[in-house]
Amino acid sequence: MDYILENALIVTEKSKDNTNILKVYADRIVLAKNENEKEEKKNA
């Protein structure tokens, strides 16, 4: 699934079993409905 993030902070951490943990903080997270919306946001 694709998401549109606004004012996002992504933090990576190593867990005890050495796997990567991604923590995503954002003012707004929206599910991208289609390809056009994703392109629009990239070009904006």
PDB file of N, CA and C in Angstrom:
ATOM      1  N   MET A   1       0.847  -1.195   0.000  1.00  0.00           N
ATOM      2  CA  MET A   1       0.000   0.000   0.000  1.00  0.00           C
ATOM      3  C   MET A   1       0.883   1.245   0.000  1.00  0.00           C
ATOM      4  N   ASP A   2       0.379   2.272  -0.631  1.00  0.00           N
ATOM      5  CA  ASP A   2       1.127   3.521  -0.704  1.00  0.00           C
ATOM      6  C   ASP A   2       0.456   4.582   0.146  1.00  0.00           C
ATOM      7  N   TYR A   3       1.267   5.347   0.835  1.00  0.00           N
ATOM      8  CA  TYR A   3       0.764   6.397   1.711  1.00  0.00           C
ATOM      9  C   TYR A   3       1.373   7.733   1.339  1.00  0.00           C
ATOM     10  N   ILE A   4       0.609   8.786   1.540  1.00  0.00           N
ATOM     11  CA  ILE A   4       1.113  10.142   1.382  1.00  0.00           C
ATOM     12  C   ILE A   4       1.356  10.673   2.787  1.00  0.00           C
ATOM     13  N   LEU A   5       2.591  11.094   3.056  1.00  0.00           N
ATOM     14  CA  LEU A   5       2.947  11.604   4.378  1.00  0.00           C
ATOM     15  C   LEU A   5       3.214  13.096   4.288  1.00  0.00           C
ATOM     16  N   GLU A   6       2.715  13.839   5.251  1.00  0.00           N
ATOM     17  CA  GLU A   6       2.992  15.272   5.312  1.00  0.00           C
ATOM     18  C   GLU A   6       3.777  15.563   6.578  1.00  0.00           C
ATOM     19  N   ASN A   7       4.856  16.335   6.439  1.00  0.00           N
ATOM     20  CA  ASN A   7       5.755  16.660   7.557  1.00  0.00           C
ATOM     21  C   ASN A   7       6.145  15.391   8.307  1.00  0.00           C
ATOM     22  N   ALA A   8       6.782  14.476   7.593  1.00  0.00           N
ATOM     23  CA  ALA A   8       7.079  13.165   8.162  1.00  0.00           C
ATOM     24  C   ALA A   8       8.489  13.074   8.733  1.00  0.00           C
ATOM     25  N   LEU A   9       8.599  12.290   9.785  1.00  0.00           N
ATOM     26  CA  LEU A   9       9.888  11.944  10.371  1.00  0.00           C
ATOM     27  C   LEU A   9       9.922  10.423  10.433  1.00  0.00           C
ATOM     28  N   ILE A  10      10.953   9.821   9.857  1.00  0.00           N
ATOM     29  CA  ILE A  10      11.074   8.368   9.873  1.00  0.00           C
ATOM     30  C   ILE A  10      12.345   8.010  10.641  1.00  0.00           C
ATOM     31  N   VAL A  11      12.183   7.203  11.676  1.00  0.00           N
ATOM     32  CA  VAL A  11      13.303   6.831  12.542  1.00  0.00           C
ATOM     33  C   VAL A  11      13.548   5.335  12.398  1.00  0.00           C
ATOM     34  N   THR A  12      14.805   4.952  12.158  1.00  0.00           N
ATOM     35  CA  THR A  12      15.129   3.527  12.093  1.00  0.00           C
ATOM     36  C   THR A  12      15.897   3.135  13.349  1.00  0.00           C
ATOM     37  N   GLU A  13      15.571   1.959  13.865  1.00  0.00           N
ATOM     38  CA  GLU A  13      16.253   1.440  15.049  1.00  0.00           C
ATOM     39  C   GLU A  13      16.550  -0.035  14.830  1.00  0.00           C
ATOM     40  N   LYS A  14      17.566  -0.516  15.507  1.00  0.00           N
ATOM     41  CA  LYS A  14      17.852  -1.952  15.509  1.00  0.00           C
ATOM     42  C   LYS A  14      17.215  -2.545  16.762  1.00  0.00           C
ATOM     43  N   SER A  15      16.461  -3.617  16.572  1.00  0.00           N
ATOM     44  CA  SER A  15      15.857  -4.263  17.734  1.00  0.00           C
ATOM     45  C   SER A  15      16.855  -5.257  18.336  1.00  0.00           C
ATOM     46  N   LYS A  16      16.470  -5.879  19.431  1.00  0.00           N
ATOM     47  CA  LYS A  16      17.371  -6.813  20.128  1.00  0.00           C
ATOM     48  C   LYS A  16      17.780  -7.990  19.237  1.00  0.00           C
ATOM     49  N   ASP A  17      16.850  -8.448  18.382  1.00  0.00           N
ATOM     50  CA  ASP A  17      17.182  -9.573  17.498  1.00  0.00           C
ATOM     51  C   ASP A  17      17.758  -9.093  16.160  1.00  0.00           C
ATOM     52  N   ASN A  18      18.248  -7.836  16.151  1.00  0.00           N
ATOM     53  CA  ASN A  18      18.971  -7.263  15.008  1.00  0.00           C
ATOM     54  C   ASN A  18      18.115  -7.027  13.759  1.00  0.00           C
ATOM     55  N   THR A  19      16.808  -6.927  13.923  1.00  0.00           N
ATOM     56  CA  THR A  19      15.964  -6.547  12.790  1.00  0.00           C
ATOM     57  C   THR A  19      15.759  -5.042  12.839  1.00  0.00           C
ATOM     58  N   ASN A  20      15.457  -4.465  11.699  1.00  0.00           N
ATOM     59  CA  ASN A  20      15.246  -3.019  11.637  1.00  0.00           C
ATOM     60  C   ASN A  20      13.815  -2.672  12.009  1.00  0.00           C
ATOM     61  N   ILE A  21      13.658  -1.635  12.801  1.00  0.00           N
ATOM     62  CA  ILE A  21      12.334  -1.127  13.161  1.00  0.00           C
ATOM     63  C   ILE A  21      12.205   0.254  12.539  1.00  0.00           C
ATOM     64  N   LEU A  22      11.140   0.471  11.798  1.00  0.00           N
ATOM     65  CA  LEU A  22      10.863   1.791  11.219  1.00  0.00           C
ATOM     66  C   LEU A  22       9.742   2.424  12.012  1.00  0.00           C
ATOM     67  N   LYS A  23       9.991   3.603  12.546  1.00  0.00           N
ATOM     68  CA  LYS A  23       8.936   4.339  13.241  1.00  0.00           C
ATOM     69  C   LYS A  23       8.618   5.562  12.397  1.00  0.00           C
ATOM     70  N   VAL A  24       7.357   5.719  12.055  1.00  0.00           N
ATOM     71  CA  VAL A  24       6.946   6.827  11.191  1.00  0.00           C
ATOM     72  C   VAL A  24       6.058   7.777  11.973  1.00  0.00           C
ATOM     73  N   TYR A  25       6.469   9.028  12.001  1.00  0.00           N
ATOM     74  CA  TYR A  25       5.677  10.075  12.648  1.00  0.00           C
ATOM     75  C   TYR A  25       5.326  11.082  11.563  1.00  0.00           C
ATOM     76  N   ALA A  26       4.049  11.458  11.469  1.00  0.00           N
ATOM     77  CA  ALA A  26       3.668  12.440  10.453  1.00  0.00           C
ATOM     78  C   ALA A  26       2.478  13.247  10.936  1.00  0.00           C
ATOM     79  N   ASP A  27       2.422  14.501  10.479  1.00  0.00           N
ATOM     80  CA  ASP A  27       1.270  15.342  10.806  1.00  0.00           C
ATOM     81  C   ASP A  27       0.008  14.762  10.174  1.00  0.00           C
ATOM     82  N   ARG A  28       0.179  14.198   8.981  1.00  0.00           N
ATOM     83  CA  ARG A  28      -0.982  13.665   8.273  1.00  0.00           C
ATOM     84  C   ARG A  28      -0.526  12.475   7.443  1.00  0.00           C
ATOM     85  N   ILE A  29      -1.251  11.368   7.547  1.00  0.00           N
ATOM     86  CA  ILE A  29      -0.959  10.185   6.740  1.00  0.00           C
ATOM     87  C   ILE A  29      -2.232   9.832   5.973  1.00  0.00           C
ATOM     88  N   VAL A  30      -2.110   9.792   4.650  1.00  0.00           N
ATOM     89  CA  VAL A  30      -3.274   9.524   3.805  1.00  0.00           C
ATOM     90  C   VAL A  30      -2.952   8.338   2.911  1.00  0.00           C
ATOM     91  N   LEU A  31      -3.889   7.419   2.776  1.00  0.00           N
ATOM     92  CA  LEU A  31      -3.721   6.298   1.861  1.00  0.00           C
ATOM     93  C   LEU A  31      -3.883   6.812   0.434  1.00  0.00           C
ATOM     94  N   ALA A  32      -2.899   6.554  -0.422  1.00  0.00           N
ATOM     95  CA  ALA A  32      -2.979   6.989  -1.823  1.00  0.00           C
ATOM     96  C   ALA A  32      -3.960   6.071  -2.553  1.00  0.00           C
ATOM     97  N   LYS A  33      -4.968   6.684  -3.162  1.00  0.00           N
ATOM     98  CA  LYS A  33      -6.024   5.897  -3.791  1.00  0.00           C
ATOM     99  C   LYS A  33      -5.622   5.356  -5.156  1.00  0.00           C
ATOM    100  N   ASN A  34      -4.819   6.110  -5.885  1.00  0.00           N
ATOM    101  CA  ASN A  34      -4.453   5.663  -7.229  1.00  0.00           C
ATOM    102  C   ASN A  34      -3.108   6.230  -7.641  1.00  0.00           C
ATOM    103  N   GLU A  35      -2.627   5.797  -8.806  1.00  0.00           N
ATOM    104  CA  GLU A  35      -1.315   6.220  -9.305  1.00  0.00           C
ATOM    105  C   GLU A  35      -1.247   7.724  -9.518  1.00  0.00           C
ATOM    106  N   ASN A  36      -2.321   8.333 -10.037  1.00  0.00           N
ATOM    107  CA  ASN A  36      -2.315   9.767 -10.344  1.00  0.00           C
ATOM    108  C   ASN A  36      -2.071  10.596  -9.098  1.00  0.00           C
ATOM    109  N   GLU A  37      -2.694  10.217  -8.009  1.00  0.00           N
ATOM    110  CA  GLU A  37      -2.563  10.981  -6.769  1.00  0.00           C
ATOM    111  C   GLU A  37      -1.113  10.949  -6.281  1.00  0.00           C
ATOM    112  N   LYS A  38      -0.464   9.796  -6.428  1.00  0.00           N
ATOM    113  CA  LYS A  38       0.926   9.677  -5.996  1.00  0.00           C
ATOM    114  C   LYS A  38       1.819  10.604  -6.816  1.00  0.00           C
ATOM    115  N   GLU A  39       1.610  10.624  -8.124  1.00  0.00           N
ATOM    116  CA  GLU A  39       2.414  11.479  -9.002  1.00  0.00           C
ATOM    117  C   GLU A  39       2.190  12.950  -8.680  1.00  0.00           C
ATOM    118  N   GLU A  40       0.930  13.314  -8.455  1.00  0.00           N
ATOM    119  CA  GLU A  40       0.586  14.703  -8.136  1.00  0.00           C
ATOM    120  C   GLU A  40       1.361  15.180  -6.921  1.00  0.00           C
ATOM    121  N   LYS A  41       1.389  14.355  -5.886  1.00  0.00           N
ATOM    122  CA  LYS A  41       2.034  14.744  -4.638  1.00  0.00           C
ATOM    123  C   LYS A  41       3.542  14.887  -4.834  1.00  0.00           C
ATOM    124  N   LYS A  42       4.138  14.026  -5.663  1.00  0.00           N
ATOM    125  CA  LYS A  42       5.576  14.099  -5.892  1.00  0.00           C
ATOM    126  C   LYS A  42       5.943  15.388  -6.613  1.00  0.00           C
ATOM    127  N   ASN A  43       5.106  15.789  -7.556  1.00  0.00           N
ATOM    128  CA  ASN A  43       5.402  16.969  -8.372  1.00  0.00           C
ATOM    129  C   ASN A  43       5.030  18.271  -7.692  1.00  0.00           C
ATOM    130  N   ALA A  44       4.226  18.215  -6.652  1.00  0.00           N
ATOM    131  CA  ALA A  44       3.748  19.443  -6.002  1.00  0.00           C
ATOM    132  C   ALA A  44       4.879  20.183  -5.308  1.00  0.00           C
TER     133      ALA A  44
END
